[in-house]
C-alpha atoms as a PDB file:
ATOM      1  CA  MET A   1     107.191 -40.696 134.921  1.00  0.00           C
ATOM      2  CA  ASN A   2     110.180 -38.319 134.627  1.00  0.00           C
ATOM      3  CA  ILE A   3     110.064 -35.618 137.237  1.00  0.00           C
ATOM      4  CA  SER A   4     111.184 -32.184 136.184  1.00  0.00           C
ATOM      5  CA  PRO A   5     114.486 -30.910 137.870  1.00  0.00           C
ATOM      6  CA  SER A   6     112.415 -28.673 140.034  1.00  0.00           C
ATOM      7  CA  MET A   7     110.277 -31.244 141.528  1.00  0.00           C
ATOM      8  CA  ASN A   8     108.221 -28.624 143.609  1.00  0.00           C
ATOM      9  CA  ASP A   9     107.150 -26.764 140.310  1.00  0.00           C
ATOM     10  CA  MET A  10     103.469 -25.981 140.685  1.00  0.00           C
ATOM     11  CA  LEU A  11     100.905 -25.689 137.880  1.00  0.00           C
ATOM     12  CA  ASP A  12     100.385 -22.220 136.676  1.00  0.00           C
ATOM     13  CA  GLU A  13      97.312 -20.316 137.523  1.00  0.00           C
ATOM     14  CA  ALA A  14      95.412 -21.092 134.391  1.00  0.00           C
ATOM     15  CA  ALA A  15      96.221 -24.864 134.463  1.00  0.00           C
ATOM     16  CA  LEU A  16      95.314 -24.981 138.187  1.00  0.00           C
ATOM     17  CA  THR A  17      91.881 -23.315 137.469  1.00  0.00           C
ATOM     18  CA  THR A  18      91.264 -25.893 134.671  1.00  0.00           C
ATOM     19  CA  LEU A  19      92.279 -28.816 136.978  1.00  0.00           C
ATOM     20  CA  ARG A  20      90.168 -27.519 139.734  1.00  0.00           C
ATOM     21  CA  GLN A  21      87.142 -27.352 137.526  1.00  0.00           C
ATOM     22  CA  ASP A  22      87.640 -30.787 136.044  1.00  0.00           C
ATOM     23  CA  LEU A  23      88.085 -32.246 139.376  1.00  0.00           C
ATOM     24  CA  ALA A  24      84.809 -30.490 140.578  1.00  0.00           C
ATOM     25  CA  ALA A  25      83.014 -31.932 137.526  1.00  0.00           C
ATOM     26  CA  ALA A  26      84.117 -35.450 138.392  1.00  0.00           C
ATOM     27  CA  PHE A  27      82.637 -35.116 141.758  1.00  0.00           C
ATOM     28  CA  ARG A  28      79.189 -33.929 140.207  1.00  0.00           C
ATOM     29  CA  LEU A  29      79.395 -36.743 137.587  1.00  0.00           C
ATOM     30  CA  CYS A  30      80.054 -39.365 140.208  1.00  0.00           C
ATOM     31  CA  HIS A  31      77.035 -38.438 141.904  1.00  0.00           C
ATOM     32  CA  ARG A  32      75.109 -38.208 138.593  1.00  0.00           C
ATOM     33  CA  PHE A  33      75.948 -41.762 137.943  1.00  0.00           C
ATOM     34  CA  GLY A  34      74.770 -42.833 141.157  1.00  0.00           C
ATOM     35  CA  TRP A  35      78.317 -43.738 142.582  1.00  0.00           C
ATOM     36  CA  SER A  36      78.376 -41.217 145.505  1.00  0.00           C
ATOM     37  CA  GLU A  37      77.891 -42.263 148.943  1.00  0.00           C
ATOM     38  CA  SER A  38      76.334 -39.810 151.642  1.00  0.00           C
ATOM     39  CA  VAL A  39      79.138 -37.359 152.026  1.00  0.00           C
ATOM     40  CA  GLY A  40      82.099 -39.750 152.001  1.00  0.00           C
ATOM     41  CA  ASN A  41      84.621 -40.883 149.585  1.00  0.00           C
ATOM     42  CA  HIS A  42      87.455 -38.677 148.014  1.00  0.00           C
ATOM     43  CA  PHE A  43      88.902 -37.548 144.750  1.00  0.00           C
ATOM     44  CA  SER A  44      92.407 -35.750 144.514  1.00  0.00           C
ATOM     45  CA  ALA A  45      94.762 -34.244 141.946  1.00  0.00           C
ATOM     46  CA  ALA A  46      98.451 -33.410 142.189  1.00  0.00           C
ATOM     47  CA  VAL A  47      99.401 -29.782 141.388  1.00  0.00           C
ATOM     48  CA  SER A  48     103.203 -30.170 141.923  1.00  0.00           C
ATOM     49  CA  ALA A  49     105.644 -32.187 139.821  1.00  0.00           C
ATOM     50  CA  ASN A  50     106.430 -34.236 142.945  1.00  0.00           C
ATOM     51  CA  GLY A  51     102.841 -34.994 143.656  1.00  0.00           C
ATOM     52  CA  ARG A  52     103.088 -33.777 147.335  1.00  0.00           C
ATOM     53  CA  LYS A  53     100.972 -30.695 146.783  1.00  0.00           C
ATOM     54  CA  PHE A  54      97.457 -31.907 145.732  1.00  0.00           C
ATOM     55  CA  LEU A  55      93.748 -30.894 145.561  1.00  0.00           C
ATOM     56  CA  LEU A  56      91.280 -32.831 147.633  1.00  0.00           C
ATOM     57  CA  ASN A  57      87.492 -32.387 148.601  1.00  0.00           C
ATOM     58  CA  PRO A  58      86.881 -30.962 152.112  1.00  0.00           C
ATOM     59  CA  ARG A  59      85.497 -33.021 154.880  1.00  0.00           C
ATOM     60  CA  TRP A  60      81.910 -34.346 154.365  1.00  0.00           C
ATOM     61  CA  GLN A  61      80.899 -32.049 151.777  1.00  0.00           C
ATOM     62  CA  HIS A  62      78.258 -33.796 149.371  1.00  0.00           C
ATOM     63  CA  PHE A  63      79.683 -34.707 145.795  1.00  0.00           C
ATOM     64  CA  ALA A  64      76.508 -32.976 144.293  1.00  0.00           C
ATOM     65  CA  THR A  65      77.538 -29.596 145.810  1.00  0.00           C
ATOM     66  CA  ILE A  66      81.332 -29.539 145.062  1.00  0.00           C
ATOM     67  CA  LYS A  67      82.558 -26.373 143.222  1.00  0.00           C
ATOM     68  CA  ALA A  68      86.142 -25.716 141.854  1.00  0.00           C
ATOM     69  CA  SER A  69      86.895 -23.212 144.693  1.00  0.00           C
ATOM     70  CA  ASP A  70      85.809 -25.705 147.445  1.00  0.00           C
ATOM     71  CA  LEU A  71      88.658 -27.941 146.777  1.00  0.00           C
ATOM     72  CA  LEU A  72      91.548 -27.879 149.408  1.00  0.00           C
ATOM     73  CA  LEU A  73      95.019 -27.329 148.237  1.00  0.00           C
ATOM     74  CA  LEU A  74      97.075 -29.614 150.592  1.00  0.00           C
ATOM     75  CA  ASP A  75     100.632 -30.467 151.249  1.00  0.00           C
ATOM     76  CA  ALA A  76     101.399 -34.123 151.872  1.00  0.00           C
ATOM     77  CA  ASP A  77     104.506 -33.198 153.939  1.00  0.00           C
ATOM     78  CA  ASP A  78     102.578 -30.931 156.272  1.00  0.00           C
ATOM     79  CA  PRO A  79     100.450 -32.796 158.823  1.00  0.00           C
ATOM     80  CA  ASP A  80      99.144 -29.279 160.139  1.00  0.00           C
ATOM     81  CA  VAL A  81      96.859 -29.349 157.271  1.00  0.00           C
ATOM     82  CA  MET A  82      94.514 -31.526 159.447  1.00  0.00           C
ATOM     83  CA  LYS A  83      93.975 -28.701 161.764  1.00  0.00           C
ATOM     84  CA  GLY A  84      92.718 -26.364 159.111  1.00  0.00           C
ATOM     85  CA  GLU A  85      89.252 -25.419 158.226  1.00  0.00           C
ATOM     86  CA  ASN A  86      87.334 -28.166 156.529  1.00  0.00           C
ATOM     87  CA  ALA A  87      90.314 -30.455 156.964  1.00  0.00           C
ATOM     88  CA  PRO A  88      89.813 -33.750 155.209  1.00  0.00           C
ATOM     89  CA  ASP A  89      88.935 -36.671 157.310  1.00  0.00           C
ATOM     90  CA  PRO A  90      91.791 -38.971 158.599  1.00  0.00           C
ATOM     91  CA  SER A  91      91.062 -41.694 155.971  1.00  0.00           C
ATOM     92  CA  ALA A  92      91.402 -39.236 153.032  1.00  0.00           C
ATOM     93  CA  TRP A  93      94.503 -37.863 154.335  1.00  0.00           C
ATOM     94  CA  THR A  94      96.003 -41.292 155.013  1.00  0.00           C
ATOM     95  CA  VAL A  95      95.254 -42.680 151.642  1.00  0.00           C
ATOM     96  CA  HIS A  96      95.390 -39.767 149.249  1.00  0.00           C
ATOM     97  CA  GLY A  97      98.207 -37.920 150.973  1.00  0.00           C
ATOM     98  CA  THR A  98     100.365 -41.148 151.154  1.00  0.00           C
ATOM     99  CA  LEU A  99      99.395 -42.148 147.456  1.00  0.00           C
ATOM    100  CA  HIS A 100     100.598 -38.609 146.124  1.00  0.00           C
ATOM    101  CA  ARG A 101     103.691 -38.576 148.233  1.00  0.00           C
ATOM    102  CA  MET A 102     104.749 -42.087 147.157  1.00  0.00           C
ATOM    103  CA  LEU A 103     103.571 -42.011 143.487  1.00  0.00           C
ATOM    104  CA  PRO A 104     103.994 -38.606 141.685  1.00  0.00           C
ATOM    105  CA  GLU A 105     103.037 -40.283 138.500  1.00  0.00           C
ATOM    106  CA  ALA A 106      99.538 -40.795 139.949  1.00  0.00           C
ATOM    107  CA  ARG A 107      98.454 -37.444 139.038  1.00  0.00           C
ATOM    108  CA  VAL A 108      94.658 -38.059 139.693  1.00  0.00           C
ATOM    109  CA  ILE A 109      93.293 -40.621 142.211  1.00  0.00           C
ATOM    110  CA  LEU A 110      89.453 -41.219 142.334  1.00  0.00           C
ATOM    111  CA  HIS A 111      88.216 -43.299 145.175  1.00  0.00           C
ATOM    112  CA  CYS A 112      84.503 -44.417 145.363  1.00  0.00           C
ATOM    113  CA  HIS A 113      81.988 -47.230 146.241  1.00  0.00           C
ATOM    114  CA  SER A 114      80.253 -47.672 142.989  1.00  0.00           C
ATOM    115  CA  PRO A 115      77.870 -50.537 143.182  1.00  0.00           C
ATOM    116  CA  TYR A 116      79.251 -53.097 140.893  1.00  0.00           C
ATOM    117  CA  ALA A 117      82.807 -52.467 141.728  1.00  0.00           C
ATOM    118  CA  VAL A 118      81.915 -52.913 145.487  1.00  0.00           C
ATOM    119  CA  ALA A 119      80.079 -56.203 144.745  1.00  0.00           C
ATOM    120  CA  LEU A 120      83.024 -57.430 142.837  1.00  0.00           C
ATOM    121  CA  SER A 121      85.317 -56.395 145.761  1.00  0.00           C
ATOM    122  CA  CYS A 122      83.219 -58.485 148.154  1.00  0.00           C
ATOM    123  CA  LEU A 123      83.958 -61.799 146.216  1.00  0.00           C
ATOM    124  CA  LYS A 124      86.240 -64.220 147.856  1.00  0.00           C
ATOM    125  CA  ASP A 125      88.323 -63.896 144.560  1.00  0.00           C
ATOM    126  CA  PRO A 126      87.536 -60.417 143.155  1.00  0.00           C
ATOM    127  CA  THR A 127      89.782 -60.887 140.009  1.00  0.00           C
ATOM    128  CA  LEU A 128      88.210 -59.256 137.035  1.00  0.00           C
ATOM    129  CA  LEU A 129      88.202 -61.761 134.327  1.00  0.00           C
ATOM    130  CA  PRO A 130      88.492 -60.878 130.675  1.00  0.00           C
ATOM    131  CA  LEU A 131      85.109 -61.636 129.191  1.00  0.00           C
ATOM    132  CA  ASP A 132      84.514 -58.911 126.706  1.00  0.00           C
ATOM    133  CA  ASN A 133      86.171 -55.605 125.449  1.00  0.00           C
ATOM    134  CA  ASN A 134      85.506 -53.728 128.702  1.00  0.00           C
ATOM    135  CA  THR A 135      86.705 -56.301 130.951  1.00  0.00           C
ATOM    136  CA  ALA A 136      89.777 -56.977 128.884  1.00  0.00           C
ATOM    137  CA  ARG A 137      90.481 -53.321 128.804  1.00  0.00           C
ATOM    138  CA  PHE A 138      91.889 -53.710 132.310  1.00  0.00           C
ATOM    139  CA  PHE A 139      93.775 -56.847 131.715  1.00  0.00           C
ATOM    140  CA  GLY A 140      97.148 -56.417 133.496  1.00  0.00           C
ATOM    141  CA  ARG A 141      96.239 -52.946 134.802  1.00  0.00           C
ATOM    142  CA  ILE A 142      94.566 -53.913 138.000  1.00  0.00           C
ATOM    143  CA  GLY A 143      96.119 -54.218 141.540  1.00  0.00           C
ATOM    144  CA  TYR A 144      94.295 -56.173 144.208  1.00  0.00           C
ATOM    145  CA  ASP A 145      94.469 -55.314 148.015  1.00  0.00           C
ATOM    146  CA  LEU A 146      92.548 -58.082 149.962  1.00  0.00           C
ATOM    147  CA  ASP A 147      93.659 -56.888 153.517  1.00  0.00           C
ATOM    148  CA  PHE A 148      90.723 -54.998 154.474  1.00  0.00           C
ATOM    149  CA  GLY A 149      91.062 -53.720 158.129  1.00  0.00           C
ATOM    150  CA  GLY A 150      88.148 -51.210 158.426  1.00  0.00           C
ATOM    151  CA  ILE A 151      88.466 -47.406 157.834  1.00  0.00           C
ATOM    152  CA  ALA A 152      91.928 -46.620 156.512  1.00  0.00           C
ATOM    153  CA  ASP A 153      93.434 -44.222 159.049  1.00  0.00           C
ATOM    154  CA  ALA A 154      97.069 -45.785 159.584  1.00  0.00           C
ATOM    155  CA  VAL A 155      99.921 -44.687 157.653  1.00  0.00           C
ATOM    156  CA  GLU A 156     101.054 -48.263 157.129  1.00  0.00           C
ATOM    157  CA  GLU A 157      97.669 -48.937 155.296  1.00  0.00           C
ATOM    158  CA  GLY A 158      98.250 -46.043 152.914  1.00  0.00           C
ATOM    159  CA  GLU A 159     101.833 -47.217 152.195  1.00  0.00           C
ATOM    160  CA  ARG A 160     100.451 -50.585 151.458  1.00  0.00           C
ATOM    161  CA  LEU A 161      97.837 -49.322 149.030  1.00  0.00           C
ATOM    162  CA  ALA A 162     100.314 -47.260 147.313  1.00  0.00           C
ATOM    163  CA  GLU A 163     102.473 -50.417 146.591  1.00  0.00           C
ATOM    164  CA  MET A 164      99.489 -52.391 145.355  1.00  0.00           C
ATOM    165  CA  ILE A 165      98.416 -49.624 142.874  1.00  0.00           C
ATOM    166  CA  ARG A 166     101.969 -48.774 141.768  1.00  0.00           C
ATOM    167  CA  GLY A 167     102.280 -49.389 138.067  1.00  0.00           C
ATOM    168  CA  LYS A 168      98.581 -50.010 137.709  1.00  0.00           C
ATOM    169  CA  ALA A 169      95.619 -48.039 136.680  1.00  0.00           C
ATOM    170  CA  VAL A 170      93.050 -49.535 139.146  1.00  0.00           C
ATOM    171  CA  LEU A 171      93.166 -50.847 142.603  1.00  0.00           C
ATOM    172  CA  VAL A 172      90.303 -53.277 143.708  1.00  0.00           C
ATOM    173  CA  MET A 173      90.128 -52.798 147.490  1.00  0.00           C
ATOM    174  CA  GLY A 174      88.811 -55.963 148.906  1.00  0.00           C
ATOM    175  CA  ASN A 175      85.473 -55.682 150.778  1.00  0.00           C
ATOM    176  CA  HIS A 176      85.683 -51.939 150.106  1.00  0.00           C
ATOM    177  CA  GLY A 177      85.456 -50.450 146.714  1.00  0.00           C
ATOM    178  CA  VAL A 178      87.757 -49.135 143.924  1.00  0.00           C
ATOM    179  CA  SER A 179      90.311 -46.610 143.336  1.00  0.00           C
ATOM    180  CA  VAL A 180      91.628 -45.342 139.976  1.00  0.00           C
ATOM    181  CA  ALA A 181      94.768 -43.492 139.086  1.00  0.00           C
ATOM    182  CA  GLY A 182      95.347 -41.558 135.857  1.00  0.00           C
ATOM    183  CA  GLU A 183      97.311 -38.814 134.142  1.00  0.00           C
ATOM    184  CA  THR A 184      94.346 -36.579 133.890  1.00  0.00           C
ATOM    185  CA  VAL A 185      91.020 -36.255 135.348  1.00  0.00           C
ATOM    186  CA  ALA A 186      89.471 -37.282 132.082  1.00  0.00           C
ATOM    187  CA  ASP A 187      91.599 -40.288 131.905  1.00  0.00           C
ATOM    188  CA  ALA A 188      91.007 -41.429 135.464  1.00  0.00           C
ATOM    189  CA  PHE A 189      87.132 -40.749 135.106  1.00  0.00           C
ATOM    190  CA  GLU A 190      87.088 -42.775 131.935  1.00  0.00           C
ATOM    191  CA  ASP A 191      88.639 -45.754 133.561  1.00  0.00           C
ATOM    192  CA  LEU A 192      86.391 -45.299 136.692  1.00  0.00           C
ATOM    193  CA  TYR A 193      83.315 -45.405 134.121  1.00  0.00           C
ATOM    194  CA  PHE A 194      84.486 -48.440 132.104  1.00  0.00           C
ATOM    195  CA  PHE A 195      85.556 -50.237 135.311  1.00  0.00           C
ATOM    196  CA  GLU A 196      82.128 -50.083 136.864  1.00  0.00           C
ATOM    197  CA  LYS A 197      80.588 -51.326 133.488  1.00  0.00           C
ATOM    198  CA  ALA A 198      83.176 -53.949 133.508  1.00  0.00           C
ATOM    199  CA  ALA A 199      82.533 -55.099 137.170  1.00  0.00           C
ATOM    200  CA  GLN A 200      78.711 -55.006 136.085  1.00  0.00           C
ATOM    201  CA  THR A 201      79.361 -57.445 133.238  1.00  0.00           C
ATOM    202  CA  MET A 202      81.291 -59.794 135.486  1.00  0.00           C
ATOM    203  CA  VAL A 203      78.577 -59.705 138.364  1.00  0.00           C
ATOM    204  CA  LEU A 204      75.745 -60.157 135.860  1.00  0.00           C
ATOM    205  CA  ALA A 205      77.656 -63.114 134.173  1.00  0.00           C
ATOM    206  CA  LEU A 206      78.271 -64.751 137.428  1.00  0.00           C
ATOM    207  CA  SER A 207      74.723 -64.282 138.413  1.00  0.00           C
ATOM    208  CA  THR A 208      73.496 -66.640 135.614  1.00  0.00           C
ATOM    209  CA  GLY A 209      75.381 -69.585 137.294  1.00  0.00           C
ATOM    210  CA  GLN A 210      76.498 -70.675 133.816  1.00  0.00           C
ATOM    211  CA  PRO A 211      80.246 -71.379 132.858  1.00  0.00           C
ATOM    212  CA  LEU A 212      82.029 -68.243 131.855  1.00  0.00           C
ATOM    213  CA  ALA A 213      83.679 -67.964 128.445  1.00  0.00           C
ATOM    214  CA  VAL A 214      87.023 -66.353 129.580  1.00  0.00           C
ATOM    215  CA  LEU A 215      89.362 -65.058 126.975  1.00  0.00           C
ATOM    216  CA  SER A 216      92.756 -66.344 126.699  1.00  0.00           C
ATOM    217  CA  ASP A 217      95.470 -64.261 128.094  1.00  0.00           C
ATOM    218  CA  GLU A 218      96.740 -63.717 124.540  1.00  0.00           C
ATOM    219  CA  ILE A 219      93.487 -62.253 123.349  1.00  0.00           C
ATOM    220  CA  ALA A 220      92.983 -60.393 126.543  1.00  0.00           C
ATOM    221  CA  GLN A 221      96.392 -58.653 126.369  1.00  0.00           C
ATOM    222  CA  GLY A 222      95.741 -57.882 122.677  1.00  0.00           C
ATOM    223  CA  THR A 223      92.386 -56.391 123.573  1.00  0.00           C
ATOM    224  CA  SER A 224      93.884 -54.209 126.244  1.00  0.00           C
ATOM    225  CA  ASP A 225      96.557 -53.091 124.054  1.00  0.00           C
ATOM    226  CA  GLY A 226      94.101 -52.336 121.423  1.00  0.00           C
ATOM    227  CA  TRP A 227      92.402 -49.781 123.745  1.00  0.00           C
ATOM    228  CA  ILE A 228      95.578 -47.628 123.865  1.00  0.00           C
ATOM    229  CA  PRO A 229      94.979 -45.766 120.420  1.00  0.00           C
ATOM    230  CA  TYR A 230      91.574 -44.930 121.771  1.00  0.00           C
ATOM    231  CA  ARG A 231      92.718 -43.004 124.705  1.00  0.00           C
ATOM    232  CA  GLY A 232      91.437 -39.666 123.140  1.00  0.00           C
ATOM    233  CA  MET A 233      88.058 -40.982 123.871  1.00  0.00           C
ATOM    234  CA  ALA A 234      88.447 -39.858 127.458  1.00  0.00           C
ATOM    235  CA  GLU A 235      88.705 -36.261 126.522  1.00  0.00           C
ATOM    236  CA  LYS A 236      85.756 -36.364 124.345  1.00  0.00           C
ATOM    237  CA  HIS A 237      83.455 -38.304 126.565  1.00  0.00           C
ATOM    238  CA  PHE A 238      84.509 -36.045 129.544  1.00  0.00           C
ATOM    239  CA  ALA A 239      84.061 -32.792 127.488  1.00  0.00           C
ATOM    240  CA  TYR A 240      80.497 -34.048 126.508  1.00  0.00           C
ATOM    241  CA  LEU A 241      79.524 -34.907 130.163  1.00  0.00           C
ATOM    242  CA  LYS A 242      80.686 -31.418 131.501  1.00  0.00           C
ATOM    243  CA  SER A 243      78.553 -29.811 128.837  1.00  0.00           C
ATOM    244  CA  CYS A 244      75.547 -31.849 130.394  1.00  0.00           C
ATOM    245  CA  LEU A 245      76.600 -30.520 133.662  1.00  0.00           C
ATOM    246  CA  ASP A 246      76.617 -26.967 132.408  1.00  0.00           C
ATOM    247  CA  LYS A 247      72.984 -27.303 131.135  1.00  0.00           C
ATOM    248  CA  GLU A 248      71.832 -28.518 134.565  1.00  0.00           C
ATOM    249  CA  ASP A 249      73.854 -26.586 136.818  1.00  0.00           C
ATOM    250  CA  PRO A 250      77.138 -24.737 135.924  1.00  0.00           C
ATOM    251  CA  SER A 251      78.051 -23.709 139.393  1.00  0.00           C
ATOM    252  CA  TRP A 252      80.699 -26.711 139.583  1.00  0.00           C
ATOM    253  CA  ARG A 253      83.066 -24.317 137.506  1.00  0.00           C
ATOM    254  CA  ASP A 254      82.947 -21.638 140.350  1.00  0.00           C
END
């Protein structure tokens, strides 16, 4: 990513409002798909060119209740934000603050414990094999961190995770869950959506006990590349999902 000369440039008010609403929608949709977990897990989005200023959900607010105005505007270079009202929990600050500081190109970072992604992450070898269109979508786009050490609240762990996801779209966190990085909320949410489906395919295929028909690297790479022209699907899909939220409860926009 080429950062503009003024790396502290912030989104204008209209763009910031749109980003807040899209991120709030992602929280609501995550719960709607059954991927939320009590009042934990975190989604964030950079609002400055250098990534250091970013939006993050407040501490322990249920995904189903998040509104655009609830999201905290934080500075990754200012540890005093942890003293503020509704400050994020230490793991959120450690992981998302570090990733946005180290990876300005990771504009949106979504982390959750969706069921099949977690199941995949608990395998001794959690490599997502290219078995079909959805699994091959992620060929060459996944980083793997297999050094689970409990709740991530150490700076060193955040830095390790940043290196593992650098240049990738997805990070499979061994014995933990999944994180997805994207240029927009729609892009990141689409990868989160398809990754959960891909993990489901992998887990179900493994559950049969039968040999897997794994695609060759050449076919898998071609399939992954073939998804690139379809990137516009993300915006259309996300727009539809937001329209569903509007029919049920439009308070996410507030």
